[in-house]
Amino acid sequence: MTENIALIRKMYDAFGRGDIAYILQNLTDDVEWTSIGPASIPYAGTFRGPAEVTKFFQALATTQSGQRLTMPEFVASGDKVVAIGRYACTVTATGKYSDAPVVHVFTIRDGKVAAFLDFVDTAAVVEAYSAAAA
């Protein structure tokens, strides 16, 4: 289990450095990457395979700035790692700042991430992506 947590910590470190290639290299070919939320959140949806997961990270990079992900708590059991923390960013189009709690659930298979499930305060994220009423 500790090796699974170590893998996830390294992936978060890579995200912090902007090293998306490292993250993609540590996904299984059939990874299922899911970010829960409505279509108004550009990175919400389910992405299958590393090529599609790239679209998730592109949506983050092209619609946000000042991303800050802090994940201080990890719980592991069997092939699962749960990470608990916060994600903050400024939405480029609206200039709105979002800072919300997040929970990520990873499934590890053969030393790589086979599944990712992202839980976030979607109401806060939708608000940040919504333009101010005229």
C-alpha atoms as a PDB file:
ATOM      1  CA  MET A   1       0.000   0.000   0.000  1.00  0.00           C
ATOM      2  CA  THR A   2       2.785   2.434   0.773  1.00  0.00           C
ATOM      3  CA  GLU A   3       4.115   2.019  -2.782  1.00  0.00           C
ATOM      4  CA  ASN A   4       0.675   3.006  -4.101  1.00  0.00           C
ATOM      5  CA  ILE A   5       0.668   6.165  -1.978  1.00  0.00           C
ATOM      6  CA  ALA A   6       4.217   6.918  -3.128  1.00  0.00           C
ATOM      7  CA  LEU A   7       3.083   6.656  -6.762  1.00  0.00           C
ATOM      8  CA  ILE A   8       0.194   9.061  -6.188  1.00  0.00           C
ATOM      9  CA  ARG A   9       2.413  11.542  -4.313  1.00  0.00           C
ATOM     10  CA  LYS A  10       4.850  11.502  -7.251  1.00  0.00           C
ATOM     11  CA  MET A  11       1.968  12.167  -9.640  1.00  0.00           C
ATOM     12  CA  TYR A  12       0.807  15.149  -7.566  1.00  0.00           C
ATOM     13  CA  ASP A  13       4.385  16.448  -7.499  1.00  0.00           C
ATOM     14  CA  ALA A  14       4.480  16.111 -11.296  1.00  0.00           C
ATOM     15  CA  PHE A  15       1.216  18.063 -11.597  1.00  0.00           C
ATOM     16  CA  GLY A  16       2.718  20.808  -9.448  1.00  0.00           C
ATOM     17  CA  ARG A  17       5.712  20.998 -11.827  1.00  0.00           C
ATOM     18  CA  GLY A  18       3.473  20.936 -14.893  1.00  0.00           C
ATOM     19  CA  ASP A  19       4.927  17.543 -15.877  1.00  0.00           C
ATOM     20  CA  ILE A  20       1.812  16.038 -17.426  1.00  0.00           C
ATOM     21  CA  ALA A  21       3.963  13.599 -19.431  1.00  0.00           C
ATOM     22  CA  TYR A  22       5.003  11.911 -16.164  1.00  0.00           C
ATOM     23  CA  ILE A  23       1.367  11.508 -15.167  1.00  0.00           C
ATOM     24  CA  LEU A  24       0.416  10.055 -18.564  1.00  0.00           C
ATOM     25  CA  GLN A  25       3.330   7.588 -18.395  1.00  0.00           C
ATOM     26  CA  ASN A  26       1.946   6.244 -15.123  1.00  0.00           C
ATOM     27  CA  LEU A  27      -1.520   5.450 -16.462  1.00  0.00           C
ATOM     28  CA  THR A  28      -2.629   2.082 -17.800  1.00  0.00           C
ATOM     29  CA  ASP A  29      -3.524   1.973 -21.491  1.00  0.00           C
ATOM     30  CA  ASP A  30      -7.181   1.475 -20.541  1.00  0.00           C
ATOM     31  CA  VAL A  31      -7.326   4.052 -17.728  1.00  0.00           C
ATOM     32  CA  GLU A  32     -10.735   5.519 -16.927  1.00  0.00           C
ATOM     33  CA  TRP A  33     -10.325   9.121 -15.674  1.00  0.00           C
ATOM     34  CA  THR A  34     -13.535  10.670 -14.342  1.00  0.00           C
ATOM     35  CA  SER A  35     -14.139  14.176 -13.077  1.00  0.00           C
ATOM     36  CA  ILE A  36     -17.684  14.499 -11.772  1.00  0.00           C
ATOM     37  CA  GLY A  37     -19.593  17.593 -12.859  1.00  0.00           C
ATOM     38  CA  PRO A  38     -21.932  19.183 -15.385  1.00  0.00           C
ATOM     39  CA  ALA A  39     -20.953  20.070 -18.951  1.00  0.00           C
ATOM     40  CA  SER A  40     -20.410  23.703 -17.922  1.00  0.00           C
ATOM     41  CA  ILE A  41     -17.154  22.569 -16.278  1.00  0.00           C
ATOM     42  CA  PRO A  42     -14.745  22.188 -19.234  1.00  0.00           C
ATOM     43  CA  TYR A  43     -12.754  19.328 -17.692  1.00  0.00           C
ATOM     44  CA  ALA A  44     -15.733  17.319 -16.375  1.00  0.00           C
ATOM     45  CA  GLY A  45     -16.494  13.946 -17.877  1.00  0.00           C
ATOM     46  CA  THR A  46     -14.962  10.536 -18.324  1.00  0.00           C
ATOM     47  CA  PHE A  47     -11.777  10.156 -20.353  1.00  0.00           C
ATOM     48  CA  ARG A  48     -10.581   6.732 -21.464  1.00  0.00           C
ATOM     49  CA  GLY A  49      -6.948   6.056 -22.259  1.00  0.00           C
ATOM     50  CA  PRO A  50      -3.968   8.387 -21.837  1.00  0.00           C
ATOM     51  CA  ALA A  51      -4.685  10.260 -25.100  1.00  0.00           C
ATOM     52  CA  GLU A  52      -8.127  11.272 -23.827  1.00  0.00           C
ATOM     53  CA  VAL A  53      -6.782  12.088 -20.351  1.00  0.00           C
ATOM     54  CA  THR A  54      -4.573  14.644 -22.098  1.00  0.00           C
ATOM     55  CA  LYS A  55      -7.794  16.528 -22.939  1.00  0.00           C
ATOM     56  CA  PHE A  56      -8.597  16.778 -19.210  1.00  0.00           C
ATOM     57  CA  PHE A  57      -5.257  18.440 -18.496  1.00  0.00           C
ATOM     58  CA  GLN A  58      -5.555  20.684 -21.569  1.00  0.00           C
ATOM     59  CA  ALA A  59      -8.942  21.894 -20.320  1.00  0.00           C
ATOM     60  CA  LEU A  60      -7.394  22.780 -16.963  1.00  0.00           C
ATOM     61  CA  ALA A  61      -4.421  24.534 -18.560  1.00  0.00           C
ATOM     62  CA  THR A  62      -6.431  26.552 -21.070  1.00  0.00           C
ATOM     63  CA  THR A  63      -9.245  27.700 -18.783  1.00  0.00           C
ATOM     64  CA  GLN A  64      -7.458  28.326 -15.478  1.00  0.00           C
ATOM     65  CA  SER A  65      -4.425  30.033 -14.001  1.00  0.00           C
ATOM     66  CA  GLY A  66      -2.716  29.919 -10.638  1.00  0.00           C
ATOM     67  CA  GLN A  67      -3.685  26.302  -9.962  1.00  0.00           C
ATOM     68  CA  ARG A  68      -2.822  25.106  -6.478  1.00  0.00           C
ATOM     69  CA  LEU A  69      -3.489  21.526  -5.444  1.00  0.00           C
ATOM     70  CA  THR A  70      -2.772  20.559  -1.839  1.00  0.00           C
ATOM     71  CA  MET A  71      -3.371  16.950  -0.854  1.00  0.00           C
ATOM     72  CA  PRO A  72      -2.204  16.422   2.728  1.00  0.00           C
ATOM     73  CA  GLU A  73      -4.155  13.271   3.532  1.00  0.00           C
ATOM     74  CA  PHE A  74      -3.902   9.800   1.976  1.00  0.00           C
ATOM     75  CA  VAL A  75      -5.707   6.572   2.792  1.00  0.00           C
ATOM     76  CA  ALA A  76      -4.819   3.298   1.095  1.00  0.00           C
ATOM     77  CA  SER A  77      -6.545  -0.059   1.100  1.00  0.00           C
ATOM     78  CA  GLY A  78      -5.829  -2.833  -1.367  1.00  0.00           C
ATOM     79  CA  ASP A  79      -5.628  -1.358  -4.856  1.00  0.00           C
ATOM     80  CA  LYS A  80      -7.259   1.967  -3.820  1.00  0.00           C
ATOM     81  CA  VAL A  81      -5.691   5.244  -2.751  1.00  0.00           C
ATOM     82  CA  VAL A  82      -7.899   8.085  -1.551  1.00  0.00           C
ATOM     83  CA  ALA A  83      -6.401  11.575  -1.408  1.00  0.00           C
ATOM     84  CA  ILE A  84      -8.141  14.411   0.432  1.00  0.00           C
ATOM     85  CA  GLY A  85      -7.319  18.073   0.035  1.00  0.00           C
ATOM     86  CA  ARG A  86      -8.116  21.321  -1.776  1.00  0.00           C
ATOM     87  CA  TYR A  87      -7.892  22.680  -5.307  1.00  0.00           C
ATOM     88  CA  ALA A  88      -7.699  26.400  -5.992  1.00  0.00           C
ATOM     89  CA  CYS A  89      -7.448  28.326  -9.251  1.00  0.00           C
ATOM     90  CA  THR A  90      -8.606  31.421 -11.087  1.00  0.00           C
ATOM     91  CA  VAL A  91     -10.889  30.852 -14.067  1.00  0.00           C
ATOM     92  CA  THR A  92      -9.352  32.772 -16.952  1.00  0.00           C
ATOM     93  CA  ALA A  93     -12.588  33.770 -18.715  1.00  0.00           C
ATOM     94  CA  THR A  94     -14.313  35.155 -15.619  1.00  0.00           C
ATOM     95  CA  GLY A  95     -11.414  36.140 -13.380  1.00  0.00           C
ATOM     96  CA  LYS A  96     -13.181  34.330 -10.543  1.00  0.00           C
ATOM     97  CA  TYR A  97     -11.189  32.507  -7.889  1.00  0.00           C
ATOM     98  CA  SER A  98     -12.261  29.055  -6.774  1.00  0.00           C
ATOM     99  CA  ASP A  99     -10.984  27.213  -3.711  1.00  0.00           C
ATOM    100  CA  ALA A 100     -12.809  23.979  -2.979  1.00  0.00           C
ATOM    101  CA  PRO A 101     -12.300  20.723  -1.105  1.00  0.00           C
ATOM    102  CA  VAL A 102     -11.517  17.706  -3.300  1.00  0.00           C
ATOM    103  CA  VAL A 103     -11.370  13.965  -2.860  1.00  0.00           C
ATOM    104  CA  HIS A 104      -9.580  11.819  -5.430  1.00  0.00           C
ATOM    105  CA  VAL A 105      -9.959   8.051  -5.597  1.00  0.00           C
ATOM    106  CA  PHE A 106      -7.308   6.130  -7.520  1.00  0.00           C
ATOM    107  CA  THR A 107      -7.317   2.459  -8.500  1.00  0.00           C
ATOM    108  CA  ILE A 108      -3.830   1.038  -9.007  1.00  0.00           C
ATOM    109  CA  ARG A 109      -3.075  -1.940 -11.234  1.00  0.00           C
ATOM    110  CA  ASP A 110       0.441  -3.276 -11.886  1.00  0.00           C
ATOM    111  CA  GLY A 111       2.047  -0.110 -10.512  1.00  0.00           C
ATOM    112  CA  LYS A 112       0.018   2.301 -12.657  1.00  0.00           C
ATOM    113  CA  VAL A 113      -3.234   4.222 -12.283  1.00  0.00           C
ATOM    114  CA  ALA A 114      -6.099   2.279 -13.870  1.00  0.00           C
ATOM    115  CA  ALA A 115      -8.890   4.576 -12.661  1.00  0.00           C
ATOM    116  CA  PHE A 116      -9.264   8.081 -11.245  1.00  0.00           C
ATOM    117  CA  LEU A 117     -12.413   9.568  -9.731  1.00  0.00           C
ATOM    118  CA  ASP A 118     -12.496  13.278  -8.831  1.00  0.00           C
ATOM    119  CA  PHE A 119     -15.035  14.608  -6.327  1.00  0.00           C
ATOM    120  CA  VAL A 120     -15.198  18.386  -5.872  1.00  0.00           C
ATOM    121  CA  ASP A 121     -17.686  21.035  -4.778  1.00  0.00           C
ATOM    122  CA  THR A 122     -19.156  21.352  -8.269  1.00  0.00           C
ATOM    123  CA  ALA A 123     -21.423  24.265  -7.258  1.00  0.00           C
ATOM    124  CA  ALA A 124     -18.327  26.337  -6.405  1.00  0.00           C
ATOM    125  CA  VAL A 125     -16.619  25.358  -9.662  1.00  0.00           C
ATOM    126  CA  VAL A 126     -19.701  26.136 -11.766  1.00  0.00           C
ATOM    127  CA  GLU A 127     -19.948  29.527 -10.060  1.00  0.00           C
ATOM    128  CA  ALA A 128     -16.312  30.289 -10.909  1.00  0.00           C
ATOM    129  CA  TYR A 129     -16.899  29.393 -14.569  1.00  0.00           C
ATOM    130  CA  SER A 130     -20.138  31.417 -14.757  1.00  0.00           C
ATOM    131  CA  ALA A 131     -20.023  34.961 -16.076  1.00  0.00           C
ATOM    132  CA  ALA A 132     -21.459  37.657 -13.843  1.00  0.00           C
ATOM    133  CA  ALA A 133     -25.104  38.457 -14.503  1.00  0.00           C
ATOM    134  CA  ALA A 134     -25.610  41.581 -16.607  1.00  0.00           C
END
